[in-house]
C-alpha atoms as a PDB file:
ATOM      1  CA  MET A   1       0.171   0.086   0.193  1.00  0.00           C
ATOM      2  CA  SER A   2       1.553   3.339  -1.034  1.00  0.00           C
ATOM      3  CA  CYS A   3       1.544   6.372   1.232  1.00  0.00           C
ATOM      4  CA  PRO A   4      -1.544   8.679   0.341  1.00  0.00           C
ATOM      5  CA  PHE A   5       0.605  11.822   1.436  1.00  0.00           C
ATOM      6  CA  GLN A   6       3.311  11.091  -1.131  1.00  0.00           C
ATOM      7  CA  GLY A   7       1.025  12.455  -4.248  1.00  0.00           C
ATOM      8  CA  ASP A   8       2.271  15.686  -6.216  1.00  0.00           C
ATOM      9  CA  ASP A   9      -1.414  16.599  -7.103  1.00  0.00           C
ATOM     10  CA  VAL A  10      -2.635  18.893  -4.036  1.00  0.00           C
ATOM     11  CA  THR A  11      -6.021  19.196  -5.685  1.00  0.00           C
ATOM     12  CA  ASP A  12      -6.501  15.454  -5.495  1.00  0.00           C
ATOM     13  CA  THR A  13      -9.333  14.841  -3.135  1.00  0.00           C
ATOM     14  CA  GLY A  14      -9.294  11.174  -3.159  1.00  0.00           C
ATOM     15  CA  LEU A  15     -13.305  11.023  -3.509  1.00  0.00           C
ATOM     16  CA  ARG A  16     -14.838   8.763  -6.140  1.00  0.00           C
ATOM     17  CA  PRO A  17     -16.943  10.383  -8.619  1.00  0.00           C
ATOM     18  CA  GLY A  18     -20.140  11.582  -7.125  1.00  0.00           C
ATOM     19  CA  GLN A  19     -19.135  11.764  -3.587  1.00  0.00           C
ATOM     20  CA  VAL A  20     -19.516  14.681  -1.681  1.00  0.00           C
ATOM     21  CA  GLY A  21     -16.196  16.131   0.118  1.00  0.00           C
ATOM     22  CA  TYR A  22     -16.000  18.065   3.424  1.00  0.00           C
ATOM     23  CA  ASN A  23     -15.559  21.393   2.141  1.00  0.00           C
ATOM     24  CA  ASP A  24     -18.404  21.017  -0.175  1.00  0.00           C
ATOM     25  CA  TYR A  25     -20.902  19.908   2.466  1.00  0.00           C
ATOM     26  CA  LEU A  26     -20.327  22.162   4.461  1.00  0.00           C
ATOM     27  CA  LYS A  27     -19.856  24.937   2.212  1.00  0.00           C
ATOM     28  CA  ILE A  28     -16.504  26.153   3.395  1.00  0.00           C
ATOM     29  CA  SER A  29     -15.761  29.057   0.858  1.00  0.00           C
ATOM     30  CA  ASP A  30     -19.250  30.329   1.172  1.00  0.00           C
ATOM     31  CA  LEU A  31     -18.659  30.647   4.779  1.00  0.00           C
ATOM     32  CA  LEU A  32     -15.407  32.005   4.724  1.00  0.00           C
ATOM     33  CA  LYS A  33     -17.084  35.056   2.308  1.00  0.00           C
ATOM     34  CA  PHE A  34     -19.124  36.125   5.155  1.00  0.00           C
ATOM     35  CA  GLN A  35     -16.670  36.561   7.821  1.00  0.00           C
ATOM     36  CA  ILE A  36     -16.666  40.271   7.550  1.00  0.00           C
ATOM     37  CA  PRO A  37     -15.595  41.749  10.794  1.00  0.00           C
ATOM     38  CA  LEU A  38     -17.621  45.287  11.309  1.00  0.00           C
ATOM     39  CA  SER A  39     -14.791  46.267  13.318  1.00  0.00           C
ATOM     40  CA  GLU A  40     -12.232  46.445  10.109  1.00  0.00           C
ATOM     41  CA  LYS A  41     -15.247  47.556   8.111  1.00  0.00           C
ATOM     42  CA  VAL A  42     -16.317  50.515  10.138  1.00  0.00           C
ATOM     43  CA  GLU A  43     -13.567  51.859  12.435  1.00  0.00           C
ATOM     44  CA  HIS A  44     -10.841  50.329  10.118  1.00  0.00           C
ATOM     45  CA  ASN A  45      -9.252  48.600  13.390  1.00  0.00           C
ATOM     46  CA  LEU A  46      -9.772  44.880  13.187  1.00  0.00           C
ATOM     47  CA  VAL A  47     -10.486  43.321  16.525  1.00  0.00           C
ATOM     48  CA  HIS A  48      -9.197  39.399  16.041  1.00  0.00           C
ATOM     49  CA  ASP A  49     -11.993  38.391  18.858  1.00  0.00           C
ATOM     50  CA  GLU A  50     -14.953  39.443  16.201  1.00  0.00           C
ATOM     51  CA  TYR A  51     -13.824  36.194  14.016  1.00  0.00           C
ATOM     52  CA  LEU A  52     -14.497  34.173  16.781  1.00  0.00           C
ATOM     53  CA  PHE A  53     -17.579  35.272  17.394  1.00  0.00           C
ATOM     54  CA  ILE A  54     -18.695  35.202  13.781  1.00  0.00           C
ATOM     55  CA  ILE A  55     -17.313  31.273  13.600  1.00  0.00           C
ATOM     56  CA  ILE A  56     -19.278  30.378  16.619  1.00  0.00           C
ATOM     57  CA  HIS A  57     -22.412  31.828  15.765  1.00  0.00           C
ATOM     58  CA  GLN A  58     -22.402  30.797  12.300  1.00  0.00           C
END
């Protein structure tokens, strides 16, 4: 059995056609788009704890 981490193709998910991956199922890319802290947008001074608040409440 070969090591699954030896491949050069970083885009290979190891999924068979028709299978749904973790990122697709949870729509990670969509969730990351919604992480827009108001502290940075309004006050131009990012409060890092705001990311934690957003993630917990998503």
